[in-house]
Amino acid sequence: ACAAQMFVFAVFATVENYLLASMAYDHYAAVCK
């Protein structure tokens, strides 16, 4: 259960990391192009 909790948390925290980058690119496309 400890391993499962660690895995789920790490997955979604990493997903958020890259989603924030994707949203920055989306803002770039909307403002600059």
Full PDB file with SEQRES, HELIX, SHEET, SSBOND, CRYST1, ORIGX, SCALE, CONECT and MASTER records, all heavy atoms in Angstrom:
SEQRES   1 A   33  ALA CYS ALA ALA GLN MET PHE VAL PHE ALA VAL PHE ALA          
SEQRES   2 A   33  THR VAL GLU ASN TYR LEU LEU ALA SER MET ALA TYR ASP          
SEQRES   3 A   33  HIS TYR ALA ALA VAL CYS LYS                                  
HELIX    1 AA1 CYS A    2  CYS A   32  1                                  31    
CRYST1    1.000    1.000    1.000  90.00  90.00  90.00 P 1           1          
ORIGX1      1.000000  0.000000  0.000000        0.00000                         
ORIGX2      0.000000  1.000000  0.000000        0.00000                         
ORIGX3      0.000000  0.000000  1.000000        0.00000                         
SCALE1      1.000000  0.000000  0.000000        0.00000                         
SCALE2      0.000000  1.000000  0.000000        0.00000                         
SCALE3      0.000000  0.000000  1.000000        0.00000                         
ATOM      1  N   ALA A   1       0.833  -1.208   0.000  1.00  0.00           N  
ATOM      2  CA  ALA A   1       0.000   0.000   0.000  1.00  0.00           C  
ATOM      3  C   ALA A   1       0.863   1.253   0.000  1.00  0.00           C  
ATOM      4  O   ALA A   1       0.517   2.257  -0.638  1.00  0.00           O  
ATOM      5  CB  ALA A   1      -0.928  -0.003   1.217  1.00  0.00           C  
ATOM      6  N   CYS A   2       1.988   1.202   0.701  1.00  0.00           N  
ATOM      7  CA  CYS A   2       2.926   2.329   0.714  1.00  0.00           C  
ATOM      8  C   CYS A   2       3.474   2.565  -0.691  1.00  0.00           C  
ATOM      9  O   CYS A   2       3.530   3.707  -1.160  1.00  0.00           O  
ATOM     10  CB  CYS A   2       4.058   2.032   1.698  1.00  0.00           C  
ATOM     11  SG  CYS A   2       5.271   3.364   1.872  1.00  0.00           S  
ATOM     12  N   ALA A   3       3.859   1.480  -1.363  1.00  0.00           N  
ATOM     13  CA  ALA A   3       4.383   1.591  -2.724  1.00  0.00           C  
ATOM     14  C   ALA A   3       3.312   2.127  -3.674  1.00  0.00           C  
ATOM     15  O   ALA A   3       3.596   2.967  -4.541  1.00  0.00           O  
ATOM     16  CB  ALA A   3       4.893   0.232  -3.210  1.00  0.00           C  
ATOM     17  N   ALA A   4       2.066   1.663  -3.494  1.00  0.00           N  
ATOM     18  CA  ALA A   4       0.967   2.112  -4.360  1.00  0.00           C  
ATOM     19  C   ALA A   4       0.694   3.596  -4.162  1.00  0.00           C  
ATOM     20  O   ALA A   4       0.498   4.346  -5.133  1.00  0.00           O  
ATOM     21  CB  ALA A   4      -0.291   1.298  -4.074  1.00  0.00           C  
ATOM     22  N   GLN A   5       0.662   4.043  -2.904  1.00  0.00           N  
ATOM     23  CA  GLN A   5       0.433   5.455  -2.618  1.00  0.00           C  
ATOM     24  C   GLN A   5       1.533   6.318  -3.213  1.00  0.00           C  
ATOM     25  O   GLN A   5       1.273   7.359  -3.830  1.00  0.00           O  
ATOM     26  CB  GLN A   5       0.365   5.687  -1.103  1.00  0.00           C  
ATOM     27  CG  GLN A   5       0.036   7.126  -0.734  1.00  0.00           C  
ATOM     28  CD  GLN A   5       0.113   7.380   0.754  1.00  0.00           C  
ATOM     29  OE1 GLN A   5       1.115   7.086   1.398  1.00  0.00           O  
ATOM     30  NE2 GLN A   5      -0.964   7.927   1.315  1.00  0.00           N  
ATOM     31  N   MET A   6       2.775   5.885  -3.045  1.00  0.00           N  
ATOM     32  CA  MET A   6       3.920   6.611  -3.588  1.00  0.00           C  
ATOM     33  C   MET A   6       3.833   6.698  -5.112  1.00  0.00           C  
ATOM     34  O   MET A   6       4.103   7.749  -5.703  1.00  0.00           O  
ATOM     35  CB  MET A   6       5.215   5.909  -3.168  1.00  0.00           C  
ATOM     36  CG  MET A   6       6.482   6.682  -3.439  1.00  0.00           C  
ATOM     37  SD  MET A   6       7.960   5.727  -2.989  1.00  0.00           S  
ATOM     38  CE  MET A   6       7.812   5.671  -1.217  1.00  0.00           C  
ATOM     39  N   PHE A   7       3.431   5.594  -5.747  1.00  0.00           N  
ATOM     40  CA  PHE A   7       3.349   5.547  -7.212  1.00  0.00           C  
ATOM     41  C   PHE A   7       2.277   6.496  -7.733  1.00  0.00           C  
ATOM     42  O   PHE A   7       2.524   7.286  -8.650  1.00  0.00           O  
ATOM     43  CB  PHE A   7       3.060   4.117  -7.671  1.00  0.00           C  
ATOM     44  CG  PHE A   7       3.023   3.958  -9.166  1.00  0.00           C  
ATOM     45  CD1 PHE A   7       4.189   3.822  -9.893  1.00  0.00           C  
ATOM     46  CD2 PHE A   7       1.811   3.939  -9.844  1.00  0.00           C  
ATOM     47  CE1 PHE A   7       4.160   3.686 -11.273  1.00  0.00           C  
ATOM     48  CE2 PHE A   7       1.768   3.802 -11.223  1.00  0.00           C  
ATOM     49  CZ  PHE A   7       2.949   3.674 -11.937  1.00  0.00           C  
ATOM     50  N   VAL A   8       1.066   6.423  -7.153  1.00  0.00           N  
ATOM     51  CA  VAL A   8      -0.044   7.275  -7.607  1.00  0.00           C  
ATOM     52  C   VAL A   8       0.302   8.749  -7.429  1.00  0.00           C  
ATOM     53  O   VAL A   8       0.080   9.574  -8.327  1.00  0.00           O  
ATOM     54  CB  VAL A   8      -1.343   6.929  -6.848  1.00  0.00           C  
ATOM     55  CG1 VAL A   8      -2.441   7.943  -7.174  1.00  0.00           C  
ATOM     56  CG2 VAL A   8      -1.802   5.519  -7.200  1.00  0.00           C  
ATOM     57  N   PHE A   9       0.876   9.074  -6.273  1.00  0.00           N  
ATOM     58  CA  PHE A   9       1.257  10.458  -6.027  1.00  0.00           C  
ATOM     59  C   PHE A   9       2.297  10.927  -7.037  1.00  0.00           C  
ATOM     60  O   PHE A   9       2.184  12.027  -7.601  1.00  0.00           O  
ATOM     61  CB  PHE A   9       1.807  10.611  -4.604  1.00  0.00           C  
ATOM     62  CG  PHE A   9       2.316  11.989  -4.315  1.00  0.00           C  
ATOM     63  CD1 PHE A   9       1.446  13.024  -4.031  1.00  0.00           C  
ATOM     64  CD2 PHE A   9       3.669  12.268  -4.366  1.00  0.00           C  
ATOM     65  CE1 PHE A   9       1.906  14.308  -3.788  1.00  0.00           C  
ATOM     66  CE2 PHE A   9       4.147  13.542  -4.119  1.00  0.00           C  
ATOM     67  CZ  PHE A   9       3.261  14.568  -3.828  1.00  0.00           C  
ATOM     68  N   ALA A  10       3.327  10.115  -7.283  1.00  0.00           N  
ATOM     69  CA  ALA A  10       4.397  10.496  -8.214  1.00  0.00           C  
ATOM     70  C   ALA A  10       3.867  10.655  -9.634  1.00  0.00           C  
ATOM     71  O   ALA A  10       4.286  11.563 -10.361  1.00  0.00           O  
ATOM     72  CB  ALA A  10       5.519   9.451  -8.180  1.00  0.00           C  
ATOM     73  N   VAL A  11       2.936   9.788 -10.044  1.00  0.00           N  
ATOM     74  CA  VAL A  11       2.354   9.887 -11.388  1.00  0.00           C  
ATOM     75  C   VAL A  11       1.671  11.233 -11.570  1.00  0.00           C  
ATOM     76  O   VAL A  11       1.968  11.985 -12.508  1.00  0.00           O  
ATOM     77  CB  VAL A  11       1.343   8.745 -11.641  1.00  0.00           C  
ATOM     78  CG1 VAL A  11       0.511   9.043 -12.905  1.00  0.00           C  
ATOM     79  CG2 VAL A  11       2.054   7.423 -11.822  1.00  0.00           C  
ATOM     80  N   PHE A  12       0.747  11.573 -10.678  1.00  0.00           N  
ATOM     81  CA  PHE A  12      -0.050  12.778 -10.861  1.00  0.00           C  
ATOM     82  C   PHE A  12       0.762  14.053 -10.625  1.00  0.00           C  
ATOM     83  O   PHE A  12       0.502  15.077 -11.273  1.00  0.00           O  
ATOM     84  CB  PHE A  12      -1.285  12.746  -9.964  1.00  0.00           C  
ATOM     85  CG  PHE A  12      -2.360  11.825 -10.464  1.00  0.00           C  
ATOM     86  CD1 PHE A  12      -2.698  10.673  -9.778  1.00  0.00           C  
ATOM     87  CD2 PHE A  12      -3.028  12.104 -11.648  1.00  0.00           C  
ATOM     88  CE1 PHE A  12      -3.680   9.820 -10.249  1.00  0.00           C  
ATOM     89  CE2 PHE A  12      -4.020  11.255 -12.132  1.00  0.00           C  
ATOM     90  CZ  PHE A  12      -4.342  10.103 -11.429  1.00  0.00           C  
ATOM     91  N   ALA A  13       1.734  13.996  -9.715  1.00  0.00           N  
ATOM     92  CA  ALA A  13       2.583  15.173  -9.513  1.00  0.00           C  
ATOM     93  C   ALA A  13       3.417  15.450 -10.761  1.00  0.00           C  
ATOM     94  O   ALA A  13       3.599  16.602 -11.162  1.00  0.00           O  
ATOM     95  CB  ALA A  13       3.492  14.968  -8.305  1.00  0.00           C  
ATOM     96  N   THR A  14       3.923  14.375 -11.405  1.00  0.00           N  
ATOM     97  CA  THR A  14       4.701  14.537 -12.645  1.00  0.00           C  
ATOM     98  C   THR A  14       3.805  15.004 -13.783  1.00  0.00           C  
ATOM     99  O   THR A  14       4.213  15.850 -14.595  1.00  0.00           O  
ATOM    100  CB  THR A  14       5.386  13.215 -13.032  1.00  0.00           C  
ATOM    101  OG1 THR A  14       6.126  12.713 -11.918  1.00  0.00           O  
ATOM    102  CG2 THR A  14       6.327  13.419 -14.212  1.00  0.00           C  
ATOM    103  N   VAL A  15       2.588  14.467 -13.845  1.00  0.00           N  
ATOM    104  CA  VAL A  15       1.625  14.904 -14.864  1.00  0.00           C  
ATOM    105  C   VAL A  15       1.371  16.404 -14.725  1.00  0.00           C  
ATOM    106  O   VAL A  15       1.359  17.139 -15.724  1.00  0.00           O  
ATOM    107  CB  VAL A  15       0.299  14.119 -14.743  1.00  0.00           C  
ATOM    108  CG1 VAL A  15      -0.795  14.764 -15.597  1.00  0.00           C  
ATOM    109  CG2 VAL A  15       0.503  12.669 -15.177  1.00  0.00           C  
ATOM    110  N   GLU A  16       1.194  16.871 -13.497  1.00  0.00           N  
ATOM    111  CA  GLU A  16       0.964  18.305 -13.283  1.00  0.00           C  
ATOM    112  C   GLU A  16       2.159  19.125 -13.754  1.00  0.00           C  
ATOM    113  O   GLU A  16       2.004  20.201 -14.340  1.00  0.00           O  
ATOM    114  CB  GLU A  16       0.675  18.593 -11.807  1.00  0.00           C  
ATOM    115  CG  GLU A  16       0.526  20.062 -11.505  1.00  0.00           C  
ATOM    116  CD  GLU A  16      -0.563  20.368 -10.492  1.00  0.00           C  
ATOM    117  OE1 GLU A  16      -1.405  19.493 -10.234  1.00  0.00           O  
ATOM    118  OE2 GLU A  16      -0.581  21.482  -9.976  1.00  0.00           O  
ATOM    119  N   ASN A  17       3.361  18.619 -13.476  1.00  0.00           N  
ATOM    120  CA  ASN A  17       4.587  19.290 -13.901  1.00  0.00           C  
ATOM    121  C   ASN A  17       4.573  19.564 -15.405  1.00  0.00           C  
ATOM    122  O   ASN A  17       4.809  20.694 -15.862  1.00  0.00           O  
ATOM    123  CB  ASN A  17       5.778  18.407 -13.521  1.00  0.00           C  
ATOM    124  CG  ASN A  17       7.097  18.912 -14.068  1.00  0.00           C  
ATOM    125  OD1 ASN A  17       7.587  19.962 -13.684  1.00  0.00           O  
ATOM    126  ND2 ASN A  17       7.694  18.147 -14.982  1.00  0.00           N  
ATOM    127  N   TYR A  18       4.259  18.543 -16.184  1.00  0.00           N  
ATOM    128  CA  TYR A  18       4.280  18.695 -17.642  1.00  0.00           C  
ATOM    129  C   TYR A  18       3.038  19.390 -18.184  1.00  0.00           C  
ATOM    130  O   TYR A  18       3.089  20.031 -19.244  1.00  0.00           O  
ATOM    131  CB  TYR A  18       4.489  17.328 -18.306  1.00  0.00           C  
ATOM    132  CG  TYR A  18       5.914  16.859 -18.183  1.00  0.00           C  
ATOM    133  CD1 TYR A  18       6.268  15.851 -17.296  1.00  0.00           C  
ATOM    134  CD2 TYR A  18       6.923  17.457 -18.933  1.00  0.00           C  
ATOM    135  CE1 TYR A  18       7.594  15.445 -17.162  1.00  0.00           C  
ATOM    136  CE2 TYR A  18       8.250  17.056 -18.807  1.00  0.00           C  
ATOM    137  CZ  TYR A  18       8.574  16.048 -17.925  1.00  0.00           C  
ATOM    138  OH  TYR A  18       9.888  15.655 -17.794  1.00  0.00           O  
ATOM    139  N   LEU A  19       1.915  19.292 -17.455  1.00  0.00           N  
ATOM    140  CA  LEU A  19       0.734  20.044 -17.872  1.00  0.00           C  
ATOM    141  C   LEU A  19       0.962  21.547 -17.745  1.00  0.00           C  
ATOM    142  O   LEU A  19       0.519  22.325 -18.595  1.00  0.00           O  
ATOM    143  CB  LEU A  19      -0.482  19.633 -17.028  1.00  0.00           C  
ATOM    144  CG  LEU A  19      -1.181  18.341 -17.428  1.00  0.00           C  
ATOM    145  CD1 LEU A  19      -2.240  17.971 -16.397  1.00  0.00           C  
ATOM    146  CD2 LEU A  19      -1.809  18.438 -18.815  1.00  0.00           C  
ATOM    147  N   LEU A  20       1.660  21.966 -16.697  1.00  0.00           N  
ATOM    148  CA  LEU A  20       1.975  23.385 -16.541  1.00  0.00           C  
ATOM    149  C   LEU A  20       2.842  23.884 -17.696  1.00  0.00           C  
ATOM    150  O   LEU A  20       2.671  25.005 -18.177  1.00  0.00           O  
ATOM    151  CB  LEU A  20       2.683  23.627 -15.204  1.00  0.00           C  
ATOM    152  CG  LEU A  20       1.803  23.493 -13.949  1.00  0.00           C  
ATOM    153  CD1 LEU A  20       2.659  23.541 -12.691  1.00  0.00           C  
ATOM    154  CD2 LEU A  20       0.734  24.585 -13.907  1.00  0.00           C  
ATOM    155  N   ALA A  21       3.762  23.022 -18.160  1.00  0.00           N  
ATOM    156  CA  ALA A  21       4.576  23.384 -19.327  1.00  0.00           C  
ATOM    157  C   ALA A  21       3.721  23.440 -20.591  1.00  0.00           C  
ATOM    158  O   ALA A  21       3.876  24.357 -21.418  1.00  0.00           O  
ATOM    159  CB  ALA A  21       5.711  22.371 -19.499  1.00  0.00           C  
ATOM    160  N   SER A  22       2.806  22.483 -20.750  1.00  0.00           N  
ATOM    161  CA  SER A  22       1.913  22.471 -21.918  1.00  0.00           C  
ATOM    162  C   SER A  22       1.021  23.703 -21.941  1.00  0.00           C  
ATOM    163  O   SER A  22       0.756  24.286 -23.005  1.00  0.00           O  
ATOM    164  CB  SER A  22       1.050  21.204 -21.909  1.00  0.00           C  
ATOM    165  OG  SER A  22       1.847  20.037 -21.961  1.00  0.00           O  
ATOM    166  N   MET A  23       0.566  24.118 -20.770  1.00  0.00           N  
ATOM    167  CA  MET A  23      -0.285  25.309 -20.687  1.00  0.00           C  
ATOM    168  C   MET A  23       0.500  26.568 -21.028  1.00  0.00           C  
ATOM    169  O   MET A  23      -0.045  27.499 -21.626  1.00  0.00           O  
ATOM    170  CB  MET A  23      -0.893  25.411 -19.288  1.00  0.00           C  
ATOM    171  CG  MET A  23      -1.867  24.285 -18.972  1.00  0.00           C  
ATOM    172  SD  MET A  23      -2.471  24.282 -17.274  1.00  0.00           S  
ATOM    173  CE  MET A  23      -3.766  25.511 -17.393  1.00  0.00           C  
ATOM    174  N   ALA A  24       1.787  26.591 -20.659  1.00  0.00           N  
ATOM    175  CA  ALA A  24       2.625  27.738 -21.029  1.00  0.00           C  
ATOM    176  C   ALA A  24       2.773  27.817 -22.544  1.00  0.00           C  
ATOM    177  O   ALA A  24       2.706  28.913 -23.134  1.00  0.00           O  
ATOM    178  CB  ALA A  24       4.005  27.607 -20.371  1.00  0.00           C  
ATOM    179  N   TYR A  25       2.955  26.658 -23.183  1.00  0.00           N  
ATOM    180  CA  TYR A  25       3.060  26.641 -24.653  1.00  0.00           C  
ATOM    181  C   TYR A  25       1.738  27.085 -25.287  1.00  0.00           C  
ATOM    182  O   TYR A  25       1.737  27.822 -26.298  1.00  0.00           O  
ATOM    183  CB  TYR A  25       3.433  25.240 -25.130  1.00  0.00           C  
ATOM    184  CG  TYR A  25       3.504  25.121 -26.633  1.00  0.00           C  
ATOM    185  CD1 TYR A  25       4.570  25.678 -27.339  1.00  0.00           C  
ATOM    186  CD2 TYR A  25       2.494  24.472 -27.346  1.00  0.00           C  
ATOM    187  CE1 TYR A  25       4.624  25.585 -28.727  1.00  0.00           C  
ATOM    188  CE2 TYR A  25       2.546  24.374 -28.729  1.00  0.00           C  
ATOM    189  CZ  TYR A  25       3.616  24.935 -29.412  1.00  0.00           C  
ATOM    190  OH  TYR A  25       3.676  24.850 -30.782  1.00  0.00           O  
ATOM    191  N   ASP A  26       0.619  26.658 -24.702  1.00  0.00           N  
ATOM    192  CA  ASP A  26      -0.698  27.075 -25.203  1.00  0.00           C  
ATOM    193  C   ASP A  26      -0.853  28.591 -25.095  1.00  0.00           C  
ATOM    194  O   ASP A  26      -1.347  29.247 -26.024  1.00  0.00           O  
ATOM    195  CB  ASP A  26      -1.795  26.369 -24.414  1.00  0.00           C  
ATOM    196  CG  ASP A  26      -3.183  26.835 -24.813  1.00  0.00           C  
ATOM    197  OD1 ASP A  26      -3.543  26.690 -25.991  1.00  0.00           O  
ATOM    198  OD2 ASP A  26      -3.908  27.354 -23.940  1.00  0.00           O  
ATOM    199  N   HIS A  27      -0.399  29.174 -23.977  1.00  0.00           N  
ATOM    200  CA  HIS A  27      -0.454  30.631 -23.809  1.00  0.00           C  
ATOM    201  C   HIS A  27       0.429  31.327 -24.848  1.00  0.00           C  
ATOM    202  O   HIS A  27       0.051  32.373 -25.392  1.00  0.00           O  
ATOM    203  CB  HIS A  27       0.007  31.019 -22.397  1.00  0.00           C  
ATOM    204  CG  HIS A  27      -0.953  30.608 -21.332  1.00  0.00           C  
ATOM    205  ND1 HIS A  27      -0.615  30.565 -20.005  1.00  0.00           N  
ATOM    206  CD2 HIS A  27      -2.248  30.221 -21.401  1.00  0.00           C  
ATOM    207  CE1 HIS A  27      -1.664  30.165 -19.302  1.00  0.00           C  
ATOM    208  NE2 HIS A  27      -2.661  29.952 -20.133  1.00  0.00           N  
ATOM    209  N   TYR A  28       1.595  30.745 -25.090  1.00  0.00           N  
ATOM    210  CA  TYR A  28       2.500  31.302 -26.115  1.00  0.00           C  
ATOM    211  C   TYR A  28       1.807  31.340 -27.478  1.00  0.00           C  
ATOM    212  O   TYR A  28       1.836  32.361 -28.182  1.00  0.00           O  
ATOM    213  CB  TYR A  28       3.780  30.472 -26.192  1.00  0.00           C  
ATOM    214  CG  TYR A  28       4.505  30.580 -27.503  1.00  0.00           C  
ATOM    215  CD1 TYR A  28       5.265  31.708 -27.816  1.00  0.00           C  
ATOM    216  CD2 TYR A  28       4.400  29.559 -28.460  1.00  0.00           C  
ATOM    217  CE1 TYR A  28       5.908  31.815 -29.032  1.00  0.00           C  
ATOM    218  CE2 TYR A  28       5.044  29.659 -29.677  1.00  0.00           C  
ATOM    219  CZ  TYR A  28       5.795  30.789 -29.968  1.00  0.00           C  
ATOM    220  OH  TYR A  28       6.423  30.900 -31.180  1.00  0.00           O  
ATOM    221  N   ALA A  29       1.179  30.218 -27.836  1.00  0.00           N  
ATOM    222  CA  ALA A  29       0.518  30.154 -29.139  1.00  0.00           C  
ATOM    223  C   ALA A  29      -0.637  31.153 -29.224  1.00  0.00           C  
ATOM    224  O   ALA A  29      -0.844  31.789 -30.266  1.00  0.00           O  
ATOM    225  CB  ALA A  29       0.006  28.728 -29.389  1.00  0.00           C  
ATOM    226  N   ALA A  30      -1.378  31.315 -28.121  1.00  0.00           N  
ATOM    227  CA  ALA A  30      -2.527  32.228 -28.116  1.00  0.00           C  
ATOM    228  C   ALA A  30      -2.108  33.687 -28.181  1.00  0.00           C  
ATOM    229  O   ALA A  30      -2.735  34.487 -28.881  1.00  0.00           O  
ATOM    230  CB  ALA A  30      -3.376  31.980 -26.866  1.00  0.00           C  
ATOM    231  N   VAL A  31      -1.038  34.056 -27.468  1.00  0.00           N  
ATOM    232  CA  VAL A  31      -0.612  35.457 -27.389  1.00  0.00           C  
ATOM    233  C   VAL A  31       0.292  35.840 -28.551  1.00  0.00           C  
ATOM    234  O   VAL A  31       0.127  36.916 -29.150  1.00  0.00           O  
ATOM    235  CB  VAL A  31       0.102  35.735 -26.045  1.00  0.00           C  
ATOM    236  CG1 VAL A  31       0.660  37.158 -26.005  1.00  0.00           C  
ATOM    237  CG2 VAL A  31      -0.858  35.515 -24.876  1.00  0.00           C  
ATOM    238  N   CYS A  32       1.218  34.970 -28.898  1.00  0.00           N  
ATOM    239  CA  CYS A  32       2.245  35.318 -29.891  1.00  0.00           C  
ATOM    240  C   CYS A  32       1.850  34.963 -31.320  1.00  0.00           C  
ATOM    241  O   CYS A  32       2.307  35.607 -32.268  1.00  0.00           O  
ATOM    242  CB  CYS A  32       3.569  34.631 -29.546  1.00  0.00           C  
ATOM    243  SG  CYS A  32       4.203  35.049 -27.913  1.00  0.00           S  
ATOM    244  N   LYS A  33       1.036  33.940 -31.488  1.00  0.00           N  
ATOM    245  CA  LYS A  33       0.633  33.501 -32.829  1.00  0.00           C  
ATOM    246  C   LYS A  33      -0.887  33.380 -32.931  1.00  0.00           C  
ATOM    247  O   LYS A  33      -1.410  32.316 -33.286  1.00  0.00           O  
ATOM    248  CB  LYS A  33       1.270  32.132 -33.140  1.00  0.00           C  
ATOM    249  CG  LYS A  33       2.778  32.066 -32.963  1.00  0.00           C  
ATOM    250  CD  LYS A  33       3.516  32.784 -34.075  1.00  0.00           C  
ATOM    251  CE  LYS A  33       5.028  32.624 -33.916  1.00  0.00           C  
ATOM    252  NZ  LYS A  33       5.764  33.336 -34.982  1.00  0.00           N  
TER     253      LYS A  33                                                      
MASTER        0    0    0    1    0    0    0    6  252    1    0    3          
END                                                                             
